[in-house]
Amino acid sequence: MAPSLERPPLQSDERTALTGWLDLQRQILRWKCEGLSEADAHRPVIPTSPAMTMAGLISHMRWVEHTWLEVLFLGGDTTQNPSFDETDEDANWRTDGILLKQLLAEYEDQCARSNEIVATASLDDVGRRPDYRSGQANLRWMLIHLVEETGRHAGHADIVRELLDGANAPDP
């Protein structure tokens, strides 16, 4: 049985709807990790995608949030973000030696930082990294993209979890 996962109100304003749907998908990702052992969190189950582990999904999504809101929207530095490592396209999925608990805490912190950024900006504000095509999008577009990408990876987490232990998720 799923924990209390609530959709945004049916009559919400645009910002509330966008952030509500994003928060829901984030919750689903975290929920899919509940009860996993470290071994299972890092165990690849898709032969053609060995980096797509539960731990890898959480790491990837942490860096996706950072990419879109801190780098592309605010114009931040790329050097700390493995997504910009041109020598390893899967760098932001790599989790060797990092505990799932730490990855989840880092993801939680990044989501909180993302929420702070969104709360203080207009949905019409444009990203500050015109050197990247996507950095020319407005915040509204970026949030819609984050809802889509987080939802897609929540679906991947469903599949990975099913392959790990035969369950969509544990009982809360």
C-alpha atoms as a PDB file:
ATOM      1  CA  MET A   1       0.000   0.000   0.000  1.00  0.00           C
ATOM      2  CA  ALA A   2       1.292   3.429  -0.965  1.00  0.00           C
ATOM      3  CA  PRO A   3       1.897   6.142   1.586  1.00  0.00           C
ATOM      4  CA  SER A   4      -0.364   9.163   1.374  1.00  0.00           C
ATOM      5  CA  LEU A   5       0.500  10.510  -2.049  1.00  0.00           C
ATOM      6  CA  GLU A   6      -1.744  13.433  -2.866  1.00  0.00           C
ATOM      7  CA  ARG A   7      -2.196  15.244  -6.133  1.00  0.00           C
ATOM      8  CA  PRO A   8      -2.349  19.027  -6.108  1.00  0.00           C
ATOM      9  CA  PRO A   9      -5.805  20.547  -5.595  1.00  0.00           C
ATOM     10  CA  LEU A  10      -8.068  20.345  -8.633  1.00  0.00           C
ATOM     11  CA  GLN A  11      -8.612  24.123  -8.578  1.00  0.00           C
ATOM     12  CA  SER A  12      -5.019  25.199  -7.949  1.00  0.00           C
ATOM     13  CA  ASP A  13      -3.179  28.068  -9.563  1.00  0.00           C
ATOM     14  CA  GLU A  14      -0.439  27.329 -12.089  1.00  0.00           C
ATOM     15  CA  ARG A  15       2.512  27.471  -9.657  1.00  0.00           C
ATOM     16  CA  THR A  16       0.743  25.273  -7.104  1.00  0.00           C
ATOM     17  CA  ALA A  17      -0.177  22.746  -9.798  1.00  0.00           C
ATOM     18  CA  LEU A  18       3.339  22.577 -11.247  1.00  0.00           C
ATOM     19  CA  THR A  19       5.123  22.308  -7.915  1.00  0.00           C
ATOM     20  CA  GLY A  20       2.472  19.940  -6.566  1.00  0.00           C
ATOM     21  CA  TRP A  21       2.880  17.501  -9.461  1.00  0.00           C
ATOM     22  CA  LEU A  22       6.668  17.710  -9.183  1.00  0.00           C
ATOM     23  CA  ASP A  23       6.562  17.055  -5.432  1.00  0.00           C
ATOM     24  CA  LEU A  24       4.280  14.062  -5.993  1.00  0.00           C
ATOM     25  CA  GLN A  25       6.707  12.479  -8.466  1.00  0.00           C
ATOM     26  CA  ARG A  26       9.608  13.135  -6.079  1.00  0.00           C
ATOM     27  CA  GLN A  27       7.682  11.400  -3.287  1.00  0.00           C
ATOM     28  CA  ILE A  28       7.061   8.393  -5.518  1.00  0.00           C
ATOM     29  CA  LEU A  29      10.787   8.080  -6.268  1.00  0.00           C
ATOM     30  CA  ARG A  30      11.639   8.139  -2.555  1.00  0.00           C
ATOM     31  CA  TRP A  31       8.820   5.696  -1.749  1.00  0.00           C
ATOM     32  CA  LYS A  32      10.164   3.172  -4.270  1.00  0.00           C
ATOM     33  CA  CYS A  33      13.407   3.073  -2.249  1.00  0.00           C
ATOM     34  CA  GLU A  34      11.742   2.217   1.065  1.00  0.00           C
ATOM     35  CA  GLY A  35      12.912  -1.014   2.609  1.00  0.00           C
ATOM     36  CA  LEU A  36      15.687  -1.691   0.101  1.00  0.00           C
ATOM     37  CA  SER A  37      18.951  -3.181   1.264  1.00  0.00           C
ATOM     38  CA  GLU A  38      22.163  -1.468   0.174  1.00  0.00           C
ATOM     39  CA  ALA A  39      22.930  -4.426  -2.045  1.00  0.00           C
ATOM     40  CA  ASP A  40      19.571  -4.198  -3.802  1.00  0.00           C
ATOM     41  CA  ALA A  41      19.754  -0.406  -4.076  1.00  0.00           C
ATOM     42  CA  HIS A  42      22.991  -0.753  -6.040  1.00  0.00           C
ATOM     43  CA  ARG A  43      22.151  -3.955  -7.921  1.00  0.00           C
ATOM     44  CA  PRO A  44      21.643  -3.563 -11.679  1.00  0.00           C
ATOM     45  CA  VAL A  45      18.675  -5.527 -13.010  1.00  0.00           C
ATOM     46  CA  ILE A  46      18.508  -4.280 -16.596  1.00  0.00           C
ATOM     47  CA  PRO A  47      21.387  -5.815 -18.565  1.00  0.00           C
ATOM     48  CA  THR A  48      21.429  -3.085 -21.208  1.00  0.00           C
ATOM     49  CA  SER A  49      21.364  -0.289 -18.592  1.00  0.00           C
ATOM     50  CA  PRO A  50      23.733  -1.300 -15.782  1.00  0.00           C
ATOM     51  CA  ALA A  51      23.790   2.205 -14.269  1.00  0.00           C
ATOM     52  CA  MET A  52      20.000   2.194 -13.806  1.00  0.00           C
ATOM     53  CA  THR A  53      19.854   1.034 -10.235  1.00  0.00           C
ATOM     54  CA  MET A  54      17.608   2.498  -7.566  1.00  0.00           C
ATOM     55  CA  ALA A  55      20.645   4.325  -6.186  1.00  0.00           C
ATOM     56  CA  GLY A  56      21.563   5.469  -9.680  1.00  0.00           C
ATOM     57  CA  LEU A  57      18.065   6.818 -10.301  1.00  0.00           C
ATOM     58  CA  ILE A  58      18.193   8.889  -7.103  1.00  0.00           C
ATOM     59  CA  SER A  59      21.659  10.211  -7.921  1.00  0.00           C
ATOM     60  CA  HIS A  60      20.635  11.062 -11.476  1.00  0.00           C
ATOM     61  CA  MET A  61      17.521  12.921 -10.341  1.00  0.00           C
ATOM     62  CA  ARG A  62      19.470  14.894  -7.750  1.00  0.00           C
ATOM     63  CA  TRP A  63      21.777  16.141 -10.505  1.00  0.00           C
ATOM     64  CA  VAL A  64      18.879  16.728 -12.918  1.00  0.00           C
ATOM     65  CA  GLU A  65      17.323  19.127 -10.400  1.00  0.00           C
ATOM     66  CA  HIS A  66      20.686  20.853  -9.954  1.00  0.00           C
ATOM     67  CA  THR A  67      21.211  21.095 -13.716  1.00  0.00           C
ATOM     68  CA  TRP A  68      17.867  22.675 -14.478  1.00  0.00           C
ATOM     69  CA  LEU A  69      17.403  25.033 -11.563  1.00  0.00           C
ATOM     70  CA  GLU A  70      20.857  25.925 -10.271  1.00  0.00           C
ATOM     71  CA  VAL A  71      22.851  25.797 -13.500  1.00  0.00           C
ATOM     72  CA  LEU A  72      20.482  26.523 -16.381  1.00  0.00           C
ATOM     73  CA  PHE A  73      18.003  28.750 -14.535  1.00  0.00           C
ATOM     74  CA  LEU A  74      20.257  30.586 -12.070  1.00  0.00           C
ATOM     75  CA  GLY A  75      23.371  30.474 -14.238  1.00  0.00           C
ATOM     76  CA  GLY A  76      25.427  28.478 -11.729  1.00  0.00           C
ATOM     77  CA  ASP A  77      28.716  26.672 -12.127  1.00  0.00           C
ATOM     78  CA  THR A  78      28.812  23.346 -13.976  1.00  0.00           C
ATOM     79  CA  THR A  79      32.057  22.019 -12.479  1.00  0.00           C
ATOM     80  CA  GLN A  80      30.485  20.370  -9.408  1.00  0.00           C
ATOM     81  CA  ASN A  81      27.793  18.606 -11.437  1.00  0.00           C
ATOM     82  CA  PRO A  82      28.751  15.259 -13.012  1.00  0.00           C
ATOM     83  CA  SER A  83      26.065  15.764 -15.676  1.00  0.00           C
ATOM     84  CA  PHE A  84      28.512  18.094 -17.390  1.00  0.00           C
ATOM     85  CA  ASP A  85      31.354  15.550 -17.414  1.00  0.00           C
ATOM     86  CA  GLU A  86      32.028  15.184 -21.119  1.00  0.00           C
ATOM     87  CA  THR A  87      34.230  12.115 -20.580  1.00  0.00           C
ATOM     88  CA  ASP A  88      31.494   9.981 -18.966  1.00  0.00           C
ATOM     89  CA  GLU A  89      27.883  10.304 -20.125  1.00  0.00           C
ATOM     90  CA  ASP A  90      26.675   8.248 -17.131  1.00  0.00           C
ATOM     91  CA  ALA A  91      28.678  10.138 -14.494  1.00  0.00           C
ATOM     92  CA  ASN A  92      25.579  11.418 -12.681  1.00  0.00           C
ATOM     93  CA  TRP A  93      24.296   7.822 -12.363  1.00  0.00           C
ATOM     94  CA  ARG A  94      27.461   6.479 -10.697  1.00  0.00           C
ATOM     95  CA  THR A  95      27.057   5.651  -7.019  1.00  0.00           C
ATOM     96  CA  ASP A  96      29.999   3.398  -6.152  1.00  0.00           C
ATOM     97  CA  GLY A  97      30.577   3.498  -2.400  1.00  0.00           C
ATOM     98  CA  ILE A  98      27.735   5.946  -1.689  1.00  0.00           C
ATOM     99  CA  LEU A  99      25.027   4.687   0.650  1.00  0.00           C
ATOM    100  CA  LEU A 100      21.406   4.968  -0.470  1.00  0.00           C
ATOM    101  CA  LYS A 101      20.640   6.892   2.721  1.00  0.00           C
ATOM    102  CA  GLN A 102      23.200   9.538   1.719  1.00  0.00           C
ATOM    103  CA  LEU A 103      21.906   9.699  -1.857  1.00  0.00           C
ATOM    104  CA  LEU A 104      18.348  10.173  -0.606  1.00  0.00           C
ATOM    105  CA  ALA A 105      19.472  12.919   1.806  1.00  0.00           C
ATOM    106  CA  GLU A 106      21.331  14.707  -1.001  1.00  0.00           C
ATOM    107  CA  TYR A 107      18.279  14.389  -3.252  1.00  0.00           C
ATOM    108  CA  GLU A 108      16.051  15.738  -0.483  1.00  0.00           C
ATOM    109  CA  ASP A 109      18.403  18.695   0.045  1.00  0.00           C
ATOM    110  CA  GLN A 110      18.511  19.396  -3.690  1.00  0.00           C
ATOM    111  CA  CYS A 111      14.705  19.283  -3.919  1.00  0.00           C
ATOM    112  CA  ALA A 112      14.468  21.745  -1.012  1.00  0.00           C
ATOM    113  CA  ARG A 113      16.958  24.039  -2.760  1.00  0.00           C
ATOM    114  CA  SER A 114      14.960  23.725  -5.996  1.00  0.00           C
ATOM    115  CA  ASN A 115      11.769  24.640  -4.145  1.00  0.00           C
ATOM    116  CA  GLU A 116      13.475  27.758  -2.722  1.00  0.00           C
ATOM    117  CA  ILE A 117      14.554  28.824  -6.208  1.00  0.00           C
ATOM    118  CA  VAL A 118      11.081  28.310  -7.648  1.00  0.00           C
ATOM    119  CA  ALA A 119       9.393  30.137  -4.772  1.00  0.00           C
ATOM    120  CA  THR A 120      11.389  33.319  -5.354  1.00  0.00           C
ATOM    121  CA  ALA A 121      11.105  33.547  -9.150  1.00  0.00           C
ATOM    122  CA  SER A 122       8.450  34.308 -11.691  1.00  0.00           C
ATOM    123  CA  LEU A 123       7.361  31.471 -13.958  1.00  0.00           C
ATOM    124  CA  ASP A 124       8.139  33.842 -16.831  1.00  0.00           C
ATOM    125  CA  ASP A 125      11.768  34.375 -15.769  1.00  0.00           C
ATOM    126  CA  VAL A 126      14.229  33.029 -18.306  1.00  0.00           C
ATOM    127  CA  GLY A 127      17.288  30.950 -17.518  1.00  0.00           C
ATOM    128  CA  ARG A 128      20.657  32.646 -17.177  1.00  0.00           C
ATOM    129  CA  ARG A 129      22.718  30.199 -19.244  1.00  0.00           C
ATOM    130  CA  PRO A 130      22.096  31.215 -22.860  1.00  0.00           C
ATOM    131  CA  ASP A 131      25.246  29.271 -23.762  1.00  0.00           C
ATOM    132  CA  TYR A 132      23.038  26.166 -23.408  1.00  0.00           C
ATOM    133  CA  ARG A 133      19.940  25.967 -25.604  1.00  0.00           C
ATOM    134  CA  SER A 134      17.815  24.745 -22.677  1.00  0.00           C
ATOM    135  CA  GLY A 135      19.124  27.602 -20.552  1.00  0.00           C
ATOM    136  CA  GLN A 136      17.022  29.928 -22.689  1.00  0.00           C
ATOM    137  CA  ALA A 137      13.743  28.423 -21.435  1.00  0.00           C
ATOM    138  CA  ASN A 138      11.553  30.139 -18.885  1.00  0.00           C
ATOM    139  CA  LEU A 139      10.966  28.680 -15.413  1.00  0.00           C
ATOM    140  CA  ARG A 140       7.509  27.406 -16.391  1.00  0.00           C
ATOM    141  CA  TRP A 141       9.012  25.307 -19.210  1.00  0.00           C
ATOM    142  CA  MET A 142      11.756  24.019 -16.904  1.00  0.00           C
ATOM    143  CA  LEU A 143       9.225  22.956 -14.268  1.00  0.00           C
ATOM    144  CA  ILE A 144       7.099  21.154 -16.842  1.00  0.00           C
ATOM    145  CA  HIS A 145      10.234  19.363 -18.009  1.00  0.00           C
ATOM    146  CA  LEU A 146      11.133  18.409 -14.419  1.00  0.00           C
ATOM    147  CA  VAL A 147       7.626  16.996 -13.869  1.00  0.00           C
ATOM    148  CA  GLU A 148       7.997  14.940 -17.056  1.00  0.00           C
ATOM    149  CA  GLU A 149      11.500  13.681 -16.317  1.00  0.00           C
ATOM    150  CA  THR A 150      10.827  12.914 -12.657  1.00  0.00           C
ATOM    151  CA  GLY A 151       7.618  11.081 -13.602  1.00  0.00           C
ATOM    152  CA  ARG A 152       9.421   9.075 -16.290  1.00  0.00           C
ATOM    153  CA  HIS A 153      12.114   8.029 -13.828  1.00  0.00           C
ATOM    154  CA  ALA A 154       9.492   7.211 -11.179  1.00  0.00           C
ATOM    155  CA  GLY A 155       8.148   4.749 -13.762  1.00  0.00           C
ATOM    156  CA  HIS A 156      11.644   3.339 -14.199  1.00  0.00           C
ATOM    157  CA  ALA A 157      11.867   2.989 -10.416  1.00  0.00           C
ATOM    158  CA  ASP A 158       8.623   0.967 -10.515  1.00  0.00           C
ATOM    159  CA  ILE A 159      10.173  -1.448 -12.987  1.00  0.00           C
ATOM    160  CA  VAL A 160      13.527  -1.684 -11.209  1.00  0.00           C
ATOM    161  CA  ARG A 161      11.809  -2.313  -7.887  1.00  0.00           C
ATOM    162  CA  GLU A 162       9.615  -5.016  -9.429  1.00  0.00           C
ATOM    163  CA  LEU A 163      12.695  -6.726 -10.878  1.00  0.00           C
ATOM    164  CA  LEU A 164      14.556  -6.478  -7.569  1.00  0.00           C
ATOM    165  CA  ASP A 165      12.009  -8.053  -5.267  1.00  0.00           C
ATOM    166  CA  GLY A 166       8.794  -8.676  -7.155  1.00  0.00           C
ATOM    167  CA  ALA A 167       6.998  -5.847  -5.427  1.00  0.00           C
ATOM    168  CA  ASN A 168       6.072  -2.420  -6.700  1.00  0.00           C
ATOM    169  CA  ALA A 169       6.940  -1.126  -3.250  1.00  0.00           C
ATOM    170  CA  PRO A 170       6.797  -2.253   0.335  1.00  0.00           C
ATOM    171  CA  ASP A 171       3.856  -1.697   2.624  1.00  0.00           C
ATOM    172  CA  PRO A 172       4.447   1.579   4.459  1.00  0.00           C
END
